[in-house]
Amino acid sequence: MIKKLEENGRFEITLLLVFMTIFCFSLSIFRYYISETKVFFFLNWNLFLAGIPFLISSSLLILNIRSKFSLIIAITVWILFFPNFPYILTDLFHLKIRSSVPIWYDLVVILSYAWTGLFYGFISLRDIEELLSVYFRKSTISIITVSFLFLASFGVYLGRFLRWNSWDILSNSFGLFNNIVVRIIYQMEYTRTWGITILMGIMLNFMYFMIRSMKNINKEIRVKEN
């Protein structure tokens, strides 16, 4: 299994994510040490939530789950937590001048967490694409991927501005469902909802497909070298 992970580069990216996560945690600990405030400790929780989709998709690959029913259940749970990965980008709202810590340090802290969270999400999305490739054509998978990223953007809006969490689908499903349906029926009354969803969705799609295209560039380089 480890040999297979090393061959497809998964071992390397996973190791880098682990080290980047440790780096992020170290930044928050050092910030606490010099300021004696826990202002950005919440970023650790947000990063943990962003890593859940990665843990789910990695488990599916490692366990080689191919049962359609099991995949449907797992991907449904994965979708519920998937919006947590771009949510950390919105934590830039918390960036402001504070007397205890230079603003440039806080910028590095937030960007480090956001970058790590994005990669957790993008790698997990790539895993889901690989799992779905058994059942769908490449063009269909691309459409599904685009849809997932727009759903994630809508989830960011629900989390940042309406303060819903992934587990509210169980604890307050009626309230969550009501907020979603109202915005779908009366779209023109909720321009901010769809403005954020569409623009962030476009941005995430550009980011994901640009990063994914780098893999193709690496393949071309290897072919030329051989």
C-alpha atoms as a PDB file:
ATOM      1  CA  MET A   1       0.000   0.000   0.000  1.00  0.00           C
ATOM      2  CA  ILE A   2       2.802   2.434   0.922  1.00  0.00           C
ATOM      3  CA  LYS A   3       4.618   1.591  -2.318  1.00  0.00           C
ATOM      4  CA  LYS A   4       1.456   2.351  -4.309  1.00  0.00           C
ATOM      5  CA  LEU A   5       1.022   5.672  -2.488  1.00  0.00           C
ATOM      6  CA  GLU A   6       4.629   6.595  -3.220  1.00  0.00           C
ATOM      7  CA  GLU A   7       4.189   5.798  -6.908  1.00  0.00           C
ATOM      8  CA  ASN A   8       1.230   8.134  -7.412  1.00  0.00           C
ATOM      9  CA  GLY A   9       2.713  10.930  -5.288  1.00  0.00           C
ATOM     10  CA  ARG A  10       0.056  10.610  -2.578  1.00  0.00           C
ATOM     11  CA  PHE A  11       2.581   9.782   0.131  1.00  0.00           C
ATOM     12  CA  GLU A  12       4.562  12.938  -0.636  1.00  0.00           C
ATOM     13  CA  ILE A  13       1.573  15.314  -0.602  1.00  0.00           C
ATOM     14  CA  THR A  14       0.213  13.691   2.570  1.00  0.00           C
ATOM     15  CA  LEU A  15       3.565  14.140   4.295  1.00  0.00           C
ATOM     16  CA  LEU A  16       3.702  17.784   3.202  1.00  0.00           C
ATOM     17  CA  LEU A  17       0.175  18.337   4.528  1.00  0.00           C
ATOM     18  CA  VAL A  18       1.166  16.852   7.873  1.00  0.00           C
ATOM     19  CA  PHE A  19       4.197  19.134   8.138  1.00  0.00           C
ATOM     20  CA  MET A  20       2.149  22.150   7.017  1.00  0.00           C
ATOM     21  CA  THR A  21      -0.471  21.359   9.653  1.00  0.00           C
ATOM     22  CA  ILE A  22       2.231  21.203  12.319  1.00  0.00           C
ATOM     23  CA  PHE A  23       3.602  24.521  11.044  1.00  0.00           C
ATOM     24  CA  CYS A  24       0.149  26.126  11.330  1.00  0.00           C
ATOM     25  CA  PHE A  25      -0.321  24.821  14.849  1.00  0.00           C
ATOM     26  CA  SER A  26       3.141  26.105  15.798  1.00  0.00           C
ATOM     27  CA  LEU A  27       2.253  29.566  14.508  1.00  0.00           C
ATOM     28  CA  SER A  28      -0.836  29.709  16.706  1.00  0.00           C
ATOM     29  CA  ILE A  29       1.091  28.425  19.746  1.00  0.00           C
ATOM     30  CA  PHE A  30       3.851  30.995  19.245  1.00  0.00           C
ATOM     31  CA  ARG A  31       1.229  33.722  18.843  1.00  0.00           C
ATOM     32  CA  TYR A  32      -0.299  32.689  22.149  1.00  0.00           C
ATOM     33  CA  TYR A  33       3.153  32.698  23.750  1.00  0.00           C
ATOM     34  CA  ILE A  34       3.979  36.262  22.706  1.00  0.00           C
ATOM     35  CA  SER A  35       0.516  37.774  23.164  1.00  0.00           C
ATOM     36  CA  GLU A  36      -1.055  35.579  25.867  1.00  0.00           C
ATOM     37  CA  THR A  37      -4.315  35.682  23.894  1.00  0.00           C
ATOM     38  CA  LYS A  38      -6.190  32.850  22.180  1.00  0.00           C
ATOM     39  CA  VAL A  39      -7.532  35.037  19.373  1.00  0.00           C
ATOM     40  CA  PHE A  40      -6.691  32.648  16.527  1.00  0.00           C
ATOM     41  CA  PHE A  41      -6.982  29.325  18.337  1.00  0.00           C
ATOM     42  CA  PHE A  42     -10.288  28.768  16.508  1.00  0.00           C
ATOM     43  CA  LEU A  43      -8.272  28.289  13.314  1.00  0.00           C
ATOM     44  CA  ASN A  44      -7.122  24.919  14.642  1.00  0.00           C
ATOM     45  CA  TRP A  45     -10.725  23.765  14.917  1.00  0.00           C
ATOM     46  CA  ASN A  46     -11.526  25.118  11.445  1.00  0.00           C
ATOM     47  CA  LEU A  47      -8.520  23.292  10.008  1.00  0.00           C
ATOM     48  CA  PHE A  48      -9.618  20.083  11.711  1.00  0.00           C
ATOM     49  CA  LEU A  49     -13.052  20.410  10.077  1.00  0.00           C
ATOM     50  CA  ALA A  50     -11.398  21.120   6.719  1.00  0.00           C
ATOM     51  CA  GLY A  51      -9.387  17.918   7.112  1.00  0.00           C
ATOM     52  CA  ILE A  52     -12.424  15.669   7.679  1.00  0.00           C
ATOM     53  CA  PRO A  53     -13.238  15.336   3.927  1.00  0.00           C
ATOM     54  CA  PHE A  54      -9.590  14.402   3.378  1.00  0.00           C
ATOM     55  CA  LEU A  55      -9.794  11.716   6.069  1.00  0.00           C
ATOM     56  CA  ILE A  56     -13.024  10.342   4.577  1.00  0.00           C
ATOM     57  CA  SER A  57     -11.751  10.183   0.990  1.00  0.00           C
ATOM     58  CA  SER A  58      -8.370   8.788   2.073  1.00  0.00           C
ATOM     59  CA  SER A  59     -10.100   6.047   4.050  1.00  0.00           C
ATOM     60  CA  LEU A  60     -12.235   5.141   1.040  1.00  0.00           C
ATOM     61  CA  LEU A  61      -9.132   4.782  -1.125  1.00  0.00           C
ATOM     62  CA  ILE A  62      -7.073   2.886   1.440  1.00  0.00           C
ATOM     63  CA  LEU A  63      -9.919   0.472   2.225  1.00  0.00           C
ATOM     64  CA  ASN A  64     -10.653   0.208  -1.507  1.00  0.00           C
ATOM     65  CA  ILE A  65     -14.392   0.705  -0.976  1.00  0.00           C
ATOM     66  CA  ARG A  66     -16.232  -0.136  -4.211  1.00  0.00           C
ATOM     67  CA  SER A  67     -19.738  -0.888  -2.967  1.00  0.00           C
ATOM     68  CA  LYS A  68     -22.152   1.604  -4.537  1.00  0.00           C
ATOM     69  CA  PHE A  69     -24.251   1.860  -1.378  1.00  0.00           C
ATOM     70  CA  SER A  70     -21.208   2.437   0.849  1.00  0.00           C
ATOM     71  CA  LEU A  71     -19.849   5.048  -1.568  1.00  0.00           C
ATOM     72  CA  ILE A  72     -23.168   6.913  -1.667  1.00  0.00           C
ATOM     73  CA  ILE A  73     -23.310   7.073   2.133  1.00  0.00           C
ATOM     74  CA  ALA A  74     -19.652   8.070   2.458  1.00  0.00           C
ATOM     75  CA  ILE A  75     -19.826  10.741  -0.256  1.00  0.00           C
ATOM     76  CA  THR A  76     -23.012  12.155   1.287  1.00  0.00           C
ATOM     77  CA  VAL A  77     -21.197  12.594   4.601  1.00  0.00           C
ATOM     78  CA  TRP A  78     -18.192  13.943   2.695  1.00  0.00           C
ATOM     79  CA  ILE A  79     -20.357  16.608   1.003  1.00  0.00           C
ATOM     80  CA  LEU A  80     -21.681  17.800   4.381  1.00  0.00           C
ATOM     81  CA  PHE A  81     -18.142  18.560   5.584  1.00  0.00           C
ATOM     82  CA  PHE A  82     -16.687  19.606   2.213  1.00  0.00           C
ATOM     83  CA  PRO A  83     -17.598  23.339   2.549  1.00  0.00           C
ATOM     84  CA  ASN A  84     -15.335  23.575   5.599  1.00  0.00           C
ATOM     85  CA  PHE A  85     -12.222  23.589   3.410  1.00  0.00           C
ATOM     86  CA  PRO A  86     -12.814  26.967   1.663  1.00  0.00           C
ATOM     87  CA  TYR A  87     -14.460  28.418   4.782  1.00  0.00           C
ATOM     88  CA  ILE A  88     -11.037  29.211   6.268  1.00  0.00           C
ATOM     89  CA  LEU A  89     -10.520  31.736   3.464  1.00  0.00           C
ATOM     90  CA  THR A  90     -13.234  33.865   5.047  1.00  0.00           C
ATOM     91  CA  ASP A  91     -11.274  33.985   8.300  1.00  0.00           C
ATOM     92  CA  LEU A  92      -9.404  36.855   6.651  1.00  0.00           C
ATOM     93  CA  PHE A  93     -12.332  38.894   7.987  1.00  0.00           C
ATOM     94  CA  HIS A  94     -10.644  38.607  11.391  1.00  0.00           C
ATOM     95  CA  LEU A  95      -7.460  40.302  10.188  1.00  0.00           C
ATOM     96  CA  LYS A  96      -7.007  43.677  11.841  1.00  0.00           C
ATOM     97  CA  ILE A  97      -4.360  45.700  13.648  1.00  0.00           C
ATOM     98  CA  ARG A  98      -3.773  44.504  17.202  1.00  0.00           C
ATOM     99  CA  SER A  99      -1.294  45.957  19.653  1.00  0.00           C
ATOM    100  CA  SER A 100       0.014  42.616  20.888  1.00  0.00           C
ATOM    101  CA  VAL A 101       1.041  41.069  17.530  1.00  0.00           C
ATOM    102  CA  PRO A 102       2.148  42.651  14.204  1.00  0.00           C
ATOM    103  CA  ILE A 103      -0.529  42.470  11.518  1.00  0.00           C
ATOM    104  CA  TRP A 104       1.912  40.838   9.096  1.00  0.00           C
ATOM    105  CA  TYR A 105       2.290  37.904  11.482  1.00  0.00           C
ATOM    106  CA  ASP A 106      -1.466  37.458  11.737  1.00  0.00           C
ATOM    107  CA  LEU A 107      -1.661  37.580   7.938  1.00  0.00           C
ATOM    108  CA  VAL A 108       0.867  34.750   7.678  1.00  0.00           C
ATOM    109  CA  VAL A 109      -1.074  32.761  10.294  1.00  0.00           C
ATOM    110  CA  ILE A 110      -4.425  33.036   8.513  1.00  0.00           C
ATOM    111  CA  LEU A 111      -2.985  32.449   5.033  1.00  0.00           C
ATOM    112  CA  SER A 112      -1.095  29.370   6.259  1.00  0.00           C
ATOM    113  CA  TYR A 113      -4.264  27.842   7.668  1.00  0.00           C
ATOM    114  CA  ALA A 114      -6.256  28.812   4.564  1.00  0.00           C
ATOM    115  CA  TRP A 115      -3.687  27.319   2.178  1.00  0.00           C
ATOM    116  CA  THR A 116      -3.505  24.081   4.156  1.00  0.00           C
ATOM    117  CA  GLY A 117      -7.290  23.850   4.337  1.00  0.00           C
ATOM    118  CA  LEU A 118      -7.584  24.403   0.598  1.00  0.00           C
ATOM    119  CA  PHE A 119      -5.188  21.567  -0.138  1.00  0.00           C
ATOM    120  CA  TYR A 120      -6.994  19.216   2.213  1.00  0.00           C
ATOM    121  CA  GLY A 121     -10.167  19.965   0.273  1.00  0.00           C
ATOM    122  CA  PHE A 122      -8.658  19.787  -3.206  1.00  0.00           C
ATOM    123  CA  ILE A 123      -6.854  16.501  -2.530  1.00  0.00           C
ATOM    124  CA  SER A 124     -10.030  14.978  -1.116  1.00  0.00           C
ATOM    125  CA  LEU A 125     -11.951  16.163  -4.190  1.00  0.00           C
ATOM    126  CA  ARG A 126      -9.355  14.498  -6.405  1.00  0.00           C
ATOM    127  CA  ASP A 127      -9.860  11.303  -4.411  1.00  0.00           C
ATOM    128  CA  ILE A 128     -13.613  11.445  -4.984  1.00  0.00           C
ATOM    129  CA  GLU A 129     -13.009  11.945  -8.706  1.00  0.00           C
ATOM    130  CA  GLU A 130     -10.866   8.807  -8.737  1.00  0.00           C
ATOM    131  CA  LEU A 131     -13.552   6.817  -6.923  1.00  0.00           C
ATOM    132  CA  LEU A 132     -16.259   8.041  -9.305  1.00  0.00           C
ATOM    133  CA  SER A 133     -14.153   7.272 -12.375  1.00  0.00           C
ATOM    134  CA  VAL A 134     -15.232   3.640 -12.069  1.00  0.00           C
ATOM    135  CA  TYR A 135     -18.863   4.602 -12.690  1.00  0.00           C
ATOM    136  CA  PHE A 136     -18.781   7.785 -14.798  1.00  0.00           C
ATOM    137  CA  ARG A 137     -17.069   9.195 -17.869  1.00  0.00           C
ATOM    138  CA  LYS A 138     -14.436  11.893 -17.519  1.00  0.00           C
ATOM    139  CA  SER A 139     -16.751  14.627 -18.833  1.00  0.00           C
ATOM    140  CA  THR A 140     -19.466  13.655 -16.341  1.00  0.00           C
ATOM    141  CA  ILE A 141     -16.982  13.688 -13.476  1.00  0.00           C
ATOM    142  CA  SER A 142     -15.880  17.211 -14.461  1.00  0.00           C
ATOM    143  CA  ILE A 143     -19.496  18.385 -14.262  1.00  0.00           C
ATOM    144  CA  ILE A 144     -19.872  16.735 -10.845  1.00  0.00           C
ATOM    145  CA  THR A 145     -16.645  18.374  -9.661  1.00  0.00           C
ATOM    146  CA  VAL A 146     -17.796  21.830 -10.746  1.00  0.00           C
ATOM    147  CA  SER A 147     -21.109  21.228  -8.951  1.00  0.00           C
ATOM    148  CA  PHE A 148     -19.363  20.138  -5.749  1.00  0.00           C
ATOM    149  CA  LEU A 149     -17.275  23.321  -5.704  1.00  0.00           C
ATOM    150  CA  PHE A 150     -20.325  25.533  -6.187  1.00  0.00           C
ATOM    151  CA  LEU A 151     -22.086  23.599  -3.403  1.00  0.00           C
ATOM    152  CA  ALA A 152     -19.049  24.236  -1.208  1.00  0.00           C
ATOM    153  CA  SER A 153     -19.322  27.956  -1.968  1.00  0.00           C
ATOM    154  CA  PHE A 154     -22.974  27.937  -0.986  1.00  0.00           C
ATOM    155  CA  GLY A 155     -21.972  26.111   2.197  1.00  0.00           C
ATOM    156  CA  VAL A 156     -19.438  28.841   2.950  1.00  0.00           C
ATOM    157  CA  TYR A 157     -22.237  31.404   2.752  1.00  0.00           C
ATOM    158  CA  LEU A 158     -24.421  29.326   5.078  1.00  0.00           C
ATOM    159  CA  GLY A 159     -21.581  28.989   7.557  1.00  0.00           C
ATOM    160  CA  ARG A 160     -20.098  32.475   7.499  1.00  0.00           C
ATOM    161  CA  PHE A 161     -23.217  34.625   7.227  1.00  0.00           C
ATOM    162  CA  LEU A 162     -26.030  32.427   8.586  1.00  0.00           C
ATOM    163  CA  ARG A 163     -23.772  30.606  11.099  1.00  0.00           C
ATOM    164  CA  TRP A 164     -24.885  27.091  10.188  1.00  0.00           C
ATOM    165  CA  ASN A 165     -22.578  24.138  10.884  1.00  0.00           C
ATOM    166  CA  SER A 166     -22.206  20.788   9.118  1.00  0.00           C
ATOM    167  CA  TRP A 167     -23.853  18.888  11.984  1.00  0.00           C
ATOM    168  CA  ASP A 168     -26.922  21.167  11.950  1.00  0.00           C
ATOM    169  CA  ILE A 169     -28.309  18.892   9.240  1.00  0.00           C
ATOM    170  CA  LEU A 170     -29.038  16.536  12.168  1.00  0.00           C
ATOM    171  CA  SER A 171     -29.655  18.923  15.080  1.00  0.00           C
ATOM    172  CA  ASN A 172     -31.770  21.523  13.243  1.00  0.00           C
ATOM    173  CA  SER A 173     -32.511  20.148   9.794  1.00  0.00           C
ATOM    174  CA  PHE A 174     -35.835  22.010   9.481  1.00  0.00           C
ATOM    175  CA  GLY A 175     -34.292  25.429  10.129  1.00  0.00           C
ATOM    176  CA  LEU A 176     -31.430  24.755   7.728  1.00  0.00           C
ATOM    177  CA  PHE A 177     -33.777  23.416   5.053  1.00  0.00           C
ATOM    178  CA  ASN A 178     -36.014  26.464   5.441  1.00  0.00           C
ATOM    179  CA  ASN A 179     -33.105  28.904   5.003  1.00  0.00           C
ATOM    180  CA  ILE A 180     -31.986  27.101   1.853  1.00  0.00           C
ATOM    181  CA  VAL A 181     -35.431  26.773   0.243  1.00  0.00           C
ATOM    182  CA  VAL A 182     -36.334  30.434   0.879  1.00  0.00           C
ATOM    183  CA  ARG A 183     -33.184  31.554  -0.923  1.00  0.00           C
ATOM    184  CA  ILE A 184     -33.877  29.265  -3.856  1.00  0.00           C
ATOM    185  CA  ILE A 185     -37.496  30.370  -4.272  1.00  0.00           C
ATOM    186  CA  TYR A 186     -36.902  34.089  -3.721  1.00  0.00           C
ATOM    187  CA  GLN A 187     -33.536  34.415  -5.431  1.00  0.00           C
ATOM    188  CA  MET A 188     -33.852  38.118  -6.288  1.00  0.00           C
ATOM    189  CA  GLU A 189     -34.313  38.985  -2.611  1.00  0.00           C
ATOM    190  CA  TYR A 190     -31.059  37.307  -1.673  1.00  0.00           C
ATOM    191  CA  THR A 191     -28.548  38.716  -4.140  1.00  0.00           C
ATOM    192  CA  ARG A 192     -25.725  38.505  -1.595  1.00  0.00           C
ATOM    193  CA  THR A 193     -26.340  34.766  -1.229  1.00  0.00           C
ATOM    194  CA  TRP A 194     -25.966  34.070  -4.922  1.00  0.00           C
ATOM    195  CA  GLY A 195     -23.279  36.692  -5.460  1.00  0.00           C
ATOM    196  CA  ILE A 196     -21.041  34.995  -2.903  1.00  0.00           C
ATOM    197  CA  THR A 197     -21.945  31.501  -4.124  1.00  0.00           C
ATOM    198  CA  ILE A 198     -21.311  32.221  -7.803  1.00  0.00           C
ATOM    199  CA  LEU A 199     -18.145  34.301  -7.443  1.00  0.00           C
ATOM    200  CA  MET A 200     -16.525  32.047  -4.860  1.00  0.00           C
ATOM    201  CA  GLY A 201     -17.606  28.997  -6.865  1.00  0.00           C
ATOM    202  CA  ILE A 202     -15.917  30.366  -9.977  1.00  0.00           C
ATOM    203  CA  MET A 203     -12.781  31.193  -8.000  1.00  0.00           C
ATOM    204  CA  LEU A 204     -12.605  27.712  -6.425  1.00  0.00           C
ATOM    205  CA  ASN A 205     -13.109  26.045  -9.798  1.00  0.00           C
ATOM    206  CA  PHE A 206     -10.292  28.081 -11.348  1.00  0.00           C
ATOM    207  CA  MET A 207      -8.020  27.281  -8.404  1.00  0.00           C
ATOM    208  CA  TYR A 208      -8.777  23.561  -8.452  1.00  0.00           C
ATOM    209  CA  PHE A 209      -8.484  23.003 -12.186  1.00  0.00           C
ATOM    210  CA  MET A 210      -5.324  25.125 -12.372  1.00  0.00           C
ATOM    211  CA  ILE A 211      -3.705  23.056  -9.618  1.00  0.00           C
ATOM    212  CA  ARG A 212      -4.897  19.824 -11.222  1.00  0.00           C
ATOM    213  CA  SER A 213      -3.479  20.882 -14.596  1.00  0.00           C
ATOM    214  CA  MET A 214      -0.021  21.097 -13.011  1.00  0.00           C
ATOM    215  CA  LYS A 215      -0.082  17.303 -12.791  1.00  0.00           C
ATOM    216  CA  ASN A 216      -0.439  17.128 -16.564  1.00  0.00           C
ATOM    217  CA  ILE A 217       2.505  19.512 -16.967  1.00  0.00           C
ATOM    218  CA  ASN A 218       4.631  17.233 -14.779  1.00  0.00           C
ATOM    219  CA  LYS A 219       3.637  14.247 -16.921  1.00  0.00           C
ATOM    220  CA  GLU A 220       4.721  16.081 -20.081  1.00  0.00           C
ATOM    221  CA  ILE A 221       8.060  16.969 -18.481  1.00  0.00           C
ATOM    222  CA  ARG A 222       8.677  13.315 -17.546  1.00  0.00           C
ATOM    223  CA  VAL A 223       7.817  12.166 -21.069  1.00  0.00           C
ATOM    224  CA  LYS A 224      10.298  14.640 -22.567  1.00  0.00           C
ATOM    225  CA  GLU A 225      13.000  13.587 -20.108  1.00  0.00           C
ATOM    226  CA  ASN A 226      12.515   9.927 -21.043  1.00  0.00           C
END
